[in-house]
Amino acid sequence: MNPKKIKYIEKFYKYHCYNCNYNEFALADIVDEFADMDNYCDGEYSLEQECKRKGMPVMECPNCNADFYYLGETKTEEGSYWIDEDEPSPF
């Protein structure tokens, strides 16, 4: 057995619902996927949404299903896990 510690950093964007005032940090990888899709969907947002979205995709509030907007705040978290270098990897 040959253990090895793998470190990683996750980034999050803070989103806010103006309808129910719910806030949540959304995983940046997910938000970035929606942002990539926005590049192919011109004119998807209404004028009101464009004013609130700050260049980020509009998500759906998990609390009330209304529009969920980026608040302009980000955070990062560091994490780690152990792997056995002797075990074969599927990649």
C-alpha atoms as a PDB file:
ATOM      1  CA  MET A   1       0.000   0.000   0.000  1.00  0.00           C
ATOM      2  CA  ASN A   2       1.352   3.376  -1.046  1.00  0.00           C
ATOM      3  CA  PRO A   3      -0.965   6.200   0.151  1.00  0.00           C
ATOM      4  CA  LYS A   4      -0.838   9.589  -1.541  1.00  0.00           C
ATOM      5  CA  LYS A   5      -2.715  12.734  -0.497  1.00  0.00           C
ATOM      6  CA  ILE A   6      -4.485  14.591  -3.325  1.00  0.00           C
ATOM      7  CA  LYS A   7      -5.302  18.257  -2.689  1.00  0.00           C
ATOM      8  CA  TYR A   8      -7.875  20.319  -4.561  1.00  0.00           C
ATOM      9  CA  ILE A   9      -9.520  23.745  -4.423  1.00  0.00           C
ATOM     10  CA  GLU A  10     -13.216  24.317  -5.093  1.00  0.00           C
ATOM     11  CA  LYS A  11     -14.630  27.711  -6.030  1.00  0.00           C
ATOM     12  CA  PHE A  12     -18.173  28.874  -5.250  1.00  0.00           C
ATOM     13  CA  TYR A  13     -20.364  31.809  -6.381  1.00  0.00           C
ATOM     14  CA  LYS A  14     -22.970  33.305  -4.054  1.00  0.00           C
ATOM     15  CA  TYR A  15     -26.470  33.443  -5.548  1.00  0.00           C
ATOM     16  CA  HIS A  16     -29.538  35.272  -4.208  1.00  0.00           C
ATOM     17  CA  CYS A  17     -33.279  35.040  -4.810  1.00  0.00           C
ATOM     18  CA  TYR A  18     -35.032  38.425  -4.765  1.00  0.00           C
ATOM     19  CA  ASN A  19     -38.392  36.666  -4.398  1.00  0.00           C
ATOM     20  CA  CYS A  20     -37.827  34.706  -1.145  1.00  0.00           C
ATOM     21  CA  ASN A  21     -34.450  36.197  -0.042  1.00  0.00           C
ATOM     22  CA  TYR A  22     -32.759  32.785  -0.086  1.00  0.00           C
ATOM     23  CA  ASN A  23     -28.937  32.783  -0.470  1.00  0.00           C
ATOM     24  CA  GLU A  24     -26.673  29.902  -1.395  1.00  0.00           C
ATOM     25  CA  PHE A  25     -23.128  29.339  -2.622  1.00  0.00           C
ATOM     26  CA  ALA A  26     -23.274  27.450  -5.924  1.00  0.00           C
ATOM     27  CA  LEU A  27     -20.352  25.325  -7.094  1.00  0.00           C
ATOM     28  CA  ALA A  28     -18.446  27.291  -9.745  1.00  0.00           C
ATOM     29  CA  ASP A  29     -18.078  24.245 -12.014  1.00  0.00           C
ATOM     30  CA  ILE A  30     -21.877  24.051 -12.358  1.00  0.00           C
ATOM     31  CA  VAL A  31     -22.337  27.804 -12.855  1.00  0.00           C
ATOM     32  CA  ASP A  32     -19.531  27.878 -15.428  1.00  0.00           C
ATOM     33  CA  GLU A  33     -21.271  25.139 -17.451  1.00  0.00           C
ATOM     34  CA  PHE A  34     -24.401  27.315 -17.616  1.00  0.00           C
ATOM     35  CA  ALA A  35     -22.239  30.297 -18.589  1.00  0.00           C
ATOM     36  CA  ASP A  36     -20.778  28.262 -21.465  1.00  0.00           C
ATOM     37  CA  MET A  37     -24.301  27.453 -22.671  1.00  0.00           C
ATOM     38  CA  ASP A  38     -25.218  31.164 -22.498  1.00  0.00           C
ATOM     39  CA  ASN A  39     -22.586  31.854 -25.162  1.00  0.00           C
ATOM     40  CA  TYR A  40     -24.724  29.892 -27.643  1.00  0.00           C
ATOM     41  CA  CYS A  41     -28.117  31.348 -26.611  1.00  0.00           C
ATOM     42  CA  ASP A  42     -28.180  35.024 -27.593  1.00  0.00           C
ATOM     43  CA  GLY A  43     -31.140  37.041 -26.317  1.00  0.00           C
ATOM     44  CA  GLU A  44     -32.107  34.449 -23.728  1.00  0.00           C
ATOM     45  CA  TYR A  45     -32.500  36.989 -20.906  1.00  0.00           C
ATOM     46  CA  SER A  46     -35.124  39.706 -20.502  1.00  0.00           C
ATOM     47  CA  LEU A  47     -34.040  43.315 -19.974  1.00  0.00           C
ATOM     48  CA  GLU A  48     -34.809  43.013 -16.237  1.00  0.00           C
ATOM     49  CA  GLN A  49     -32.693  39.857 -15.962  1.00  0.00           C
ATOM     50  CA  GLU A  50     -29.808  41.473 -17.857  1.00  0.00           C
ATOM     51  CA  CYS A  51     -29.720  44.321 -15.328  1.00  0.00           C
ATOM     52  CA  LYS A  52     -29.583  41.954 -12.326  1.00  0.00           C
ATOM     53  CA  ARG A  53     -27.377  39.118 -13.554  1.00  0.00           C
ATOM     54  CA  LYS A  54     -23.967  40.881 -13.479  1.00  0.00           C
ATOM     55  CA  GLY A  55     -22.714  38.928 -16.481  1.00  0.00           C
ATOM     56  CA  MET A  56     -23.391  35.578 -14.824  1.00  0.00           C
ATOM     57  CA  PRO A  57     -26.058  33.021 -15.731  1.00  0.00           C
ATOM     58  CA  VAL A  58     -29.456  33.242 -14.048  1.00  0.00           C
ATOM     59  CA  MET A  59     -30.167  30.037 -12.138  1.00  0.00           C
ATOM     60  CA  GLU A  60     -33.388  28.735 -10.572  1.00  0.00           C
ATOM     61  CA  CYS A  61     -33.914  29.229  -6.839  1.00  0.00           C
ATOM     62  CA  PRO A  62     -34.023  25.814  -5.124  1.00  0.00           C
ATOM     63  CA  ASN A  63     -36.388  27.269  -2.509  1.00  0.00           C
ATOM     64  CA  CYS A  64     -39.151  28.876  -4.623  1.00  0.00           C
ATOM     65  CA  ASN A  65     -38.168  28.265  -8.306  1.00  0.00           C
ATOM     66  CA  ALA A  66     -37.881  32.006  -9.042  1.00  0.00           C
ATOM     67  CA  ASP A  67     -34.830  33.549 -10.736  1.00  0.00           C
ATOM     68  CA  PHE A  68     -31.594  33.103  -8.779  1.00  0.00           C
ATOM     69  CA  TYR A  69     -29.005  35.857  -9.348  1.00  0.00           C
ATOM     70  CA  TYR A  70     -25.269  36.099  -8.719  1.00  0.00           C
ATOM     71  CA  LEU A  71     -24.539  38.449  -5.794  1.00  0.00           C
ATOM     72  CA  GLY A  72     -20.949  39.252  -6.751  1.00  0.00           C
ATOM     73  CA  GLU A  73     -19.351  37.231  -3.954  1.00  0.00           C
ATOM     74  CA  THR A  74     -17.074  34.203  -4.341  1.00  0.00           C
ATOM     75  CA  LYS A  75     -15.332  31.834  -1.956  1.00  0.00           C
ATOM     76  CA  THR A  76     -12.875  28.978  -2.230  1.00  0.00           C
ATOM     77  CA  GLU A  77     -12.482  25.876  -0.099  1.00  0.00           C
ATOM     78  CA  GLU A  78      -9.508  23.573   0.071  1.00  0.00           C
ATOM     79  CA  GLY A  79      -9.979  19.862   0.435  1.00  0.00           C
ATOM     80  CA  SER A  80      -8.052  16.647   0.147  1.00  0.00           C
ATOM     81  CA  TYR A  81      -8.443  12.908  -0.078  1.00  0.00           C
ATOM     82  CA  TRP A  82      -6.169   9.881   0.006  1.00  0.00           C
ATOM     83  CA  ILE A  83      -5.559   7.397  -2.793  1.00  0.00           C
ATOM     84  CA  ASP A  84      -3.517   4.231  -2.932  1.00  0.00           C
ATOM     85  CA  GLU A  85      -0.926   4.666  -5.680  1.00  0.00           C
ATOM     86  CA  ASP A  86      -0.626   0.892  -5.996  1.00  0.00           C
ATOM     87  CA  GLU A  87      -4.293   0.558  -7.022  1.00  0.00           C
ATOM     88  CA  PRO A  88      -4.970   0.734 -10.770  1.00  0.00           C
ATOM     89  CA  SER A  89      -6.717   3.903 -11.929  1.00  0.00           C
ATOM     90  CA  PRO A  90      -9.554   3.818 -14.481  1.00  0.00           C
ATOM     91  CA  PHE A  91      -8.149   6.968 -16.110  1.00  0.00           C
END
